[in-house]
Amino acid sequence: MNQAKAEAVSEVPDEQLDRAIEELRGVLQQEEKRPQDEAAGVPNSSIIMDIPVDVQIVLGSTEMSVSELMTLQKGSTVALDRRIGEPIDVVVNGRRIARGEITVLEGDSSRFAIRLTEIITAKGA
């Protein structure tokens, strides 16, 4: 994630964001416990569940000057801050929500996927 995006995300205090996430989870859990009857006007969580979010799988990052960036060309290698085998981050809308490991997609060995190894709670993020 680049520095400008990280700063923009950090403008919202973590406590405020954590509180909003917990409130949303509470509303969704309450709706799951109630029988859903759209005809009777009972709220349905499908409205919230259909909201698109930006999911990023972050293998690592690096910092470089503009001059270093300008010298990159086809075949250049960019070293990341992670080592092979270290967990990678799953980021949703700029917030890390899980960590995982790279694996081959089951049923399609030409693609890779992420196997989640840790879910980050609101308090642990």
N, C-alpha and C. Protein backbone atom coordinates (compact mmCIF):
# COMPACT_ATOMS: atom_id res chain seq x y z
N MET A 1 0.86 -1.16 0.00
CA MET A 1 0.00 0.00 0.00
C MET A 1 0.91 1.22 0.00
N ASN A 2 0.62 2.21 -0.85
CA ASN A 2 1.50 3.35 -0.91
C ASN A 2 1.27 4.28 0.27
N GLN A 3 2.23 5.19 0.49
CA GLN A 3 2.22 6.08 1.66
C GLN A 3 1.00 6.98 1.69
N ALA A 4 0.61 7.56 0.54
CA ALA A 4 -0.54 8.47 0.51
C ALA A 4 -1.82 7.74 0.88
N LYS A 5 -1.98 6.52 0.38
CA LYS A 5 -3.18 5.74 0.69
C LYS A 5 -3.19 5.38 2.17
N ALA A 6 -2.04 5.01 2.72
CA ALA A 6 -1.96 4.66 4.13
C ALA A 6 -2.31 5.85 5.00
N GLU A 7 -1.84 7.06 4.63
CA GLU A 7 -2.17 8.25 5.40
C GLU A 7 -3.65 8.57 5.32
N ALA A 8 -4.26 8.38 4.14
CA ALA A 8 -5.68 8.65 3.98
C ALA A 8 -6.50 7.70 4.83
N VAL A 9 -6.09 6.45 4.91
CA VAL A 9 -6.81 5.47 5.71
C VAL A 9 -6.68 5.81 7.19
N SER A 10 -5.51 6.30 7.62
CA SER A 10 -5.29 6.56 9.04
C SER A 10 -5.97 7.83 9.51
N GLU A 11 -6.60 8.61 8.62
CA GLU A 11 -7.29 9.82 9.04
C GLU A 11 -8.49 9.51 9.92
N VAL A 12 -9.12 8.35 9.72
CA VAL A 12 -10.24 7.95 10.56
C VAL A 12 -9.67 7.27 11.79
N PRO A 13 -9.98 7.78 12.99
CA PRO A 13 -9.43 7.15 14.19
C PRO A 13 -9.81 5.67 14.27
N ASP A 14 -8.85 4.85 14.68
CA ASP A 14 -9.08 3.41 14.77
C ASP A 14 -10.24 3.07 15.69
N GLU A 15 -10.37 3.81 16.80
CA GLU A 15 -11.46 3.53 17.75
C GLU A 15 -12.81 3.71 17.07
N GLN A 16 -12.93 4.77 16.30
CA GLN A 16 -14.19 5.07 15.62
C GLN A 16 -14.51 3.97 14.60
N LEU A 17 -13.51 3.55 13.86
CA LEU A 17 -13.69 2.50 12.86
C LEU A 17 -14.04 1.17 13.53
N ASP A 18 -13.33 0.84 14.61
CA ASP A 18 -13.62 -0.39 15.35
C ASP A 18 -15.06 -0.39 15.87
N ARG A 19 -15.50 0.74 16.40
CA ARG A 19 -16.86 0.85 16.92
C ARG A 19 -17.89 0.64 15.81
N ALA A 20 -17.64 1.24 14.65
CA ALA A 20 -18.56 1.10 13.52
C ALA A 20 -18.64 -0.35 13.05
N ILE A 21 -17.49 -1.04 13.00
CA ILE A 21 -17.46 -2.44 12.58
C ILE A 21 -18.23 -3.30 13.57
N GLU A 22 -18.02 -3.07 14.86
CA GLU A 22 -18.72 -3.86 15.88
C GLU A 22 -20.23 -3.61 15.81
N GLU A 23 -20.65 -2.35 15.59
CA GLU A 23 -22.07 -2.05 15.47
C GLU A 23 -22.67 -2.77 14.26
N LEU A 24 -21.96 -2.77 13.15
CA LEU A 24 -22.43 -3.44 11.94
C LEU A 24 -22.56 -4.94 12.17
N ARG A 25 -21.57 -5.53 12.83
CA ARG A 25 -21.64 -6.96 13.15
C ARG A 25 -22.85 -7.26 14.03
N GLY A 26 -23.11 -6.39 15.01
CA GLY A 26 -24.25 -6.58 15.89
C GLY A 26 -25.56 -6.54 15.14
N VAL A 27 -25.71 -5.58 14.22
CA VAL A 27 -26.93 -5.47 13.42
C VAL A 27 -27.11 -6.72 12.56
N LEU A 28 -26.04 -7.16 11.93
CA LEU A 28 -26.12 -8.34 11.08
C LEU A 28 -26.47 -9.59 11.88
N GLN A 29 -25.90 -9.73 13.07
CA GLN A 29 -26.22 -10.89 13.92
C GLN A 29 -27.67 -10.86 14.36
N GLN A 30 -28.20 -9.68 14.68
CA GLN A 30 -29.60 -9.56 15.07
C GLN A 30 -30.51 -9.95 13.91
N GLU A 31 -30.16 -9.52 12.70
CA GLU A 31 -30.97 -9.85 11.53
C GLU A 31 -30.95 -11.34 11.23
N GLU A 32 -29.81 -12.00 11.47
CA GLU A 32 -29.72 -13.44 11.22
C GLU A 32 -30.62 -14.22 12.17
N LYS A 33 -30.82 -13.71 13.38
CA LYS A 33 -31.64 -14.40 14.37
C LYS A 33 -33.14 -14.23 14.10
N ARG A 34 -33.52 -13.15 13.40
CA ARG A 34 -34.93 -12.91 13.10
C ARG A 34 -35.32 -13.56 11.80
N PRO A 35 -36.54 -14.05 11.69
CA PRO A 35 -36.99 -14.54 10.38
C PRO A 35 -37.10 -13.37 9.42
N GLN A 36 -36.63 -13.56 8.22
CA GLN A 36 -36.64 -12.47 7.23
C GLN A 36 -37.94 -12.50 6.45
N ASP A 37 -38.63 -11.38 6.41
CA ASP A 37 -39.88 -11.27 5.67
C ASP A 37 -39.90 -9.92 4.97
N GLU A 38 -39.33 -9.88 3.77
CA GLU A 38 -39.24 -8.62 3.05
C GLU A 38 -40.61 -8.02 2.76
N ALA A 39 -41.61 -8.87 2.52
CA ALA A 39 -42.95 -8.37 2.22
C ALA A 39 -43.52 -7.60 3.41
N ALA A 40 -43.15 -7.98 4.61
CA ALA A 40 -43.64 -7.30 5.81
C ALA A 40 -42.78 -6.10 6.18
N GLY A 41 -41.77 -5.81 5.40
CA GLY A 41 -40.93 -4.64 5.65
C GLY A 41 -39.83 -4.85 6.67
N VAL A 42 -39.51 -6.09 6.99
CA VAL A 42 -38.43 -6.38 7.93
C VAL A 42 -37.11 -6.15 7.20
N PRO A 43 -36.17 -5.45 7.83
CA PRO A 43 -34.89 -5.19 7.16
C PRO A 43 -34.20 -6.48 6.75
N ASN A 44 -33.49 -6.42 5.63
CA ASN A 44 -32.80 -7.59 5.12
C ASN A 44 -31.32 -7.24 4.95
N SER A 45 -30.44 -8.09 5.47
CA SER A 45 -29.00 -7.81 5.41
C SER A 45 -28.45 -7.92 4.00
N SER A 46 -29.22 -8.43 3.05
CA SER A 46 -28.71 -8.57 1.69
C SER A 46 -28.35 -7.22 1.09
N ILE A 47 -28.97 -6.16 1.55
CA ILE A 47 -28.62 -4.82 1.07
C ILE A 47 -27.17 -4.52 1.42
N ILE A 48 -26.80 -4.82 2.65
CA ILE A 48 -25.43 -4.58 3.09
C ILE A 48 -24.48 -5.58 2.46
N MET A 49 -24.90 -6.82 2.35
CA MET A 49 -24.02 -7.87 1.84
C MET A 49 -23.67 -7.66 0.37
N ASP A 50 -24.44 -6.88 -0.36
CA ASP A 50 -24.18 -6.65 -1.78
C ASP A 50 -23.27 -5.44 -2.03
N ILE A 51 -22.83 -4.76 -0.98
CA ILE A 51 -21.95 -3.60 -1.14
C ILE A 51 -20.56 -4.09 -1.54
N PRO A 52 -20.04 -3.61 -2.67
CA PRO A 52 -18.71 -4.06 -3.09
C PRO A 52 -17.61 -3.46 -2.21
N VAL A 53 -16.57 -4.23 -1.95
CA VAL A 53 -15.42 -3.75 -1.20
C VAL A 53 -14.15 -4.06 -1.99
N ASP A 54 -13.11 -3.30 -1.74
CA ASP A 54 -11.83 -3.48 -2.41
C ASP A 54 -10.99 -4.45 -1.59
N VAL A 55 -10.72 -5.64 -2.13
CA VAL A 55 -9.91 -6.64 -1.43
C VAL A 55 -8.55 -6.70 -2.09
N GLN A 56 -7.51 -6.56 -1.27
CA GLN A 56 -6.14 -6.63 -1.77
C GLN A 56 -5.39 -7.72 -1.02
N ILE A 57 -4.56 -8.44 -1.74
CA ILE A 57 -3.67 -9.43 -1.15
C ILE A 57 -2.27 -8.83 -1.24
N VAL A 58 -1.70 -8.53 -0.09
CA VAL A 58 -0.43 -7.80 -0.06
C VAL A 58 0.71 -8.77 0.20
N LEU A 59 1.50 -8.99 -0.84
CA LEU A 59 2.66 -9.88 -0.73
C LEU A 59 3.80 -9.22 0.02
N GLY A 60 3.89 -7.91 -0.07
CA GLY A 60 4.95 -7.15 0.58
C GLY A 60 5.01 -5.77 -0.01
N SER A 61 5.94 -4.99 0.48
CA SER A 61 6.10 -3.64 -0.04
C SER A 61 7.57 -3.25 0.02
N THR A 62 7.88 -2.14 -0.55
CA THR A 62 9.23 -1.60 -0.51
C THR A 62 9.14 -0.09 -0.66
N GLU A 63 10.19 0.56 -0.32
CA GLU A 63 10.24 2.01 -0.46
C GLU A 63 11.42 2.33 -1.38
N MET A 64 11.18 3.23 -2.34
CA MET A 64 12.26 3.62 -3.24
C MET A 64 12.07 5.07 -3.66
N SER A 65 13.14 5.67 -4.07
CA SER A 65 13.09 7.06 -4.52
C SER A 65 12.53 7.11 -5.94
N VAL A 66 12.14 8.28 -6.36
CA VAL A 66 11.61 8.46 -7.71
C VAL A 66 12.68 8.08 -8.73
N SER A 67 13.94 8.43 -8.45
CA SER A 67 15.00 8.10 -9.42
C SER A 67 15.15 6.57 -9.55
N GLU A 68 15.04 5.83 -8.43
CA GLU A 68 15.10 4.37 -8.50
C GLU A 68 13.90 3.83 -9.27
N LEU A 69 12.75 4.41 -9.04
CA LEU A 69 11.53 4.00 -9.73
C LEU A 69 11.67 4.22 -11.24
N MET A 70 12.28 5.33 -11.63
CA MET A 70 12.42 5.66 -13.05
C MET A 70 13.42 4.75 -13.76
N THR A 71 14.31 4.09 -13.01
CA THR A 71 15.28 3.20 -13.65
C THR A 71 14.73 1.78 -13.85
N LEU A 72 13.55 1.50 -13.31
CA LEU A 72 12.97 0.16 -13.48
C LEU A 72 12.64 -0.10 -14.94
N GLN A 73 12.89 -1.30 -15.37
CA GLN A 73 12.57 -1.69 -16.74
C GLN A 73 12.19 -3.16 -16.75
N LYS A 74 11.78 -3.65 -17.87
CA LYS A 74 11.41 -5.06 -17.98
C LYS A 74 12.58 -5.92 -17.52
N GLY A 75 12.31 -6.85 -16.63
CA GLY A 75 13.36 -7.72 -16.11
C GLY A 75 13.96 -7.23 -14.80
N SER A 76 13.63 -6.01 -14.38
CA SER A 76 14.14 -5.51 -13.10
C SER A 76 13.55 -6.31 -11.96
N THR A 77 14.29 -6.41 -10.87
CA THR A 77 13.82 -7.10 -9.68
C THR A 77 13.62 -6.08 -8.57
N VAL A 78 12.47 -6.16 -7.89
CA VAL A 78 12.17 -5.28 -6.78
C VAL A 78 12.06 -6.15 -5.53
N ALA A 79 12.97 -5.93 -4.57
CA ALA A 79 12.96 -6.71 -3.33
C ALA A 79 11.85 -6.20 -2.42
N LEU A 80 11.09 -7.13 -1.84
CA LEU A 80 10.01 -6.78 -0.92
C LEU A 80 10.47 -6.96 0.52
N ASP A 81 9.68 -6.45 1.45
CA ASP A 81 10.03 -6.51 2.86
C ASP A 81 9.63 -7.83 3.52
N ARG A 82 9.17 -8.79 2.75
CA ARG A 82 8.77 -10.09 3.30
C ARG A 82 9.65 -11.19 2.72
N ARG A 83 9.79 -12.26 3.49
CA ARG A 83 10.55 -13.42 3.04
C ARG A 83 9.59 -14.51 2.58
N ILE A 84 10.09 -15.42 1.77
CA ILE A 84 9.29 -16.55 1.31
C ILE A 84 8.82 -17.34 2.53
N GLY A 85 7.54 -17.67 2.55
CA GLY A 85 6.98 -18.44 3.65
C GLY A 85 6.33 -17.59 4.74
N GLU A 86 6.63 -16.28 4.77
CA GLU A 86 5.98 -15.41 5.76
C GLU A 86 4.53 -15.20 5.35
N PRO A 87 3.63 -15.01 6.34
CA PRO A 87 2.24 -14.78 6.00
C PRO A 87 2.06 -13.49 5.20
N ILE A 88 1.06 -13.49 4.35
CA ILE A 88 0.74 -12.30 3.57
C ILE A 88 -0.55 -11.70 4.14
N ASP A 89 -0.77 -10.42 3.87
CA ASP A 89 -1.93 -9.72 4.43
C ASP A 89 -3.10 -9.71 3.46
N VAL A 90 -4.30 -9.85 4.00
CA VAL A 90 -5.54 -9.67 3.26
C VAL A 90 -6.12 -8.36 3.77
N VAL A 91 -6.26 -7.39 2.85
CA VAL A 91 -6.66 -6.03 3.21
C VAL A 91 -7.98 -5.72 2.53
N VAL A 92 -8.96 -5.23 3.31
CA VAL A 92 -10.26 -4.84 2.76
C VAL A 92 -10.46 -3.36 3.03
N ASN A 93 -10.65 -2.61 1.95
CA ASN A 93 -10.82 -1.16 2.05
C ASN A 93 -9.74 -0.50 2.91
N GLY A 94 -8.50 -0.95 2.73
CA GLY A 94 -7.37 -0.33 3.42
C GLY A 94 -7.11 -0.85 4.82
N ARG A 95 -7.88 -1.80 5.29
CA ARG A 95 -7.72 -2.32 6.66
C ARG A 95 -7.40 -3.82 6.61
N ARG A 96 -6.33 -4.23 7.31
CA ARG A 96 -5.95 -5.64 7.33
C ARG A 96 -6.99 -6.41 8.13
N ILE A 97 -7.55 -7.46 7.51
CA ILE A 97 -8.58 -8.26 8.18
C ILE A 97 -8.13 -9.70 8.39
N ALA A 98 -7.08 -10.13 7.69
CA ALA A 98 -6.65 -11.52 7.82
C ALA A 98 -5.22 -11.65 7.32
N ARG A 99 -4.63 -12.81 7.62
CA ARG A 99 -3.32 -13.17 7.09
C ARG A 99 -3.45 -14.57 6.52
N GLY A 100 -2.58 -14.90 5.60
CA GLY A 100 -2.68 -16.21 4.99
C GLY A 100 -1.41 -16.61 4.28
N GLU A 101 -1.51 -17.73 3.58
CA GLU A 101 -0.37 -18.25 2.83
C GLU A 101 -0.81 -18.52 1.40
N ILE A 102 0.13 -18.39 0.49
CA ILE A 102 -0.15 -18.64 -0.92
C ILE A 102 -0.23 -20.14 -1.14
N THR A 103 -1.20 -20.56 -1.93
CA THR A 103 -1.39 -21.97 -2.24
C THR A 103 -1.86 -22.09 -3.69
N VAL A 104 -1.81 -23.27 -4.23
CA VAL A 104 -2.33 -23.52 -5.57
C VAL A 104 -3.84 -23.70 -5.45
N LEU A 105 -4.59 -23.11 -6.35
CA LEU A 105 -6.05 -23.19 -6.33
C LEU A 105 -6.48 -24.62 -6.57
N GLU A 106 -7.28 -25.13 -5.65
CA GLU A 106 -7.78 -26.51 -5.77
C GLU A 106 -8.64 -26.63 -7.01
N GLY A 107 -8.35 -27.59 -7.85
CA GLY A 107 -9.13 -27.80 -9.06
C GLY A 107 -8.61 -27.05 -10.27
N ASP A 108 -7.64 -26.15 -10.08
CA ASP A 108 -7.07 -25.40 -11.21
C ASP A 108 -5.62 -25.05 -10.87
N SER A 109 -4.72 -25.96 -11.16
CA SER A 109 -3.32 -25.79 -10.77
C SER A 109 -2.60 -24.68 -11.53
N SER A 110 -3.29 -24.03 -12.47
CA SER A 110 -2.66 -22.91 -13.19
C SER A 110 -2.89 -21.58 -12.46
N ARG A 111 -3.64 -21.61 -11.36
CA ARG A 111 -3.93 -20.39 -10.61
C ARG A 111 -3.53 -20.57 -9.15
N PHE A 112 -3.21 -19.47 -8.49
CA PHE A 112 -2.92 -19.57 -7.08
C PHE A 112 -4.00 -18.86 -6.28
N ALA A 113 -4.02 -19.14 -4.97
CA ALA A 113 -5.03 -18.59 -4.08
C ALA A 113 -4.40 -18.32 -2.72
N ILE A 114 -5.20 -17.87 -1.80
CA ILE A 114 -4.75 -17.60 -0.45
C ILE A 114 -5.51 -18.51 0.52
N ARG A 115 -4.78 -19.21 1.36
CA ARG A 115 -5.40 -20.01 2.43
C ARG A 115 -5.27 -19.17 3.70
N LEU A 116 -6.41 -18.79 4.27
CA LEU A 116 -6.40 -17.95 5.46
C LEU A 116 -5.89 -18.73 6.66
N THR A 117 -4.95 -18.14 7.39
CA THR A 117 -4.39 -18.78 8.57
C THR A 117 -4.73 -18.01 9.84
N GLU A 118 -5.19 -16.76 9.69
CA GLU A 118 -5.50 -15.94 10.85
C GLU A 118 -6.53 -14.88 10.45
N ILE A 119 -7.58 -14.74 11.25
CA ILE A 119 -8.55 -13.67 11.06
C ILE A 119 -8.25 -12.61 12.12
N ILE A 120 -8.09 -11.39 11.69
CA ILE A 120 -7.77 -10.30 12.62
C ILE A 120 -9.08 -9.75 13.19
N THR A 121 -9.20 -9.75 14.50
CA THR A 121 -10.40 -9.18 15.12
C THR A 121 -10.27 -7.66 15.14
N ALA A 122 -11.38 -6.97 15.38
CA ALA A 122 -11.36 -5.51 15.41
C ALA A 122 -10.38 -5.00 16.44
N LYS A 123 -10.26 -5.69 17.57
CA LYS A 123 -9.34 -5.27 18.61
C LYS A 123 -7.90 -5.59 18.26
N GLY A 124 -7.68 -6.66 17.45
CA GLY A 124 -6.32 -7.07 17.10
C GLY A 124 -5.76 -6.39 15.88
N ALA A 125 -6.58 -5.59 15.19
CA ALA A 125 -6.13 -4.94 13.96
C ALA A 125 -5.35 -3.74 14.29
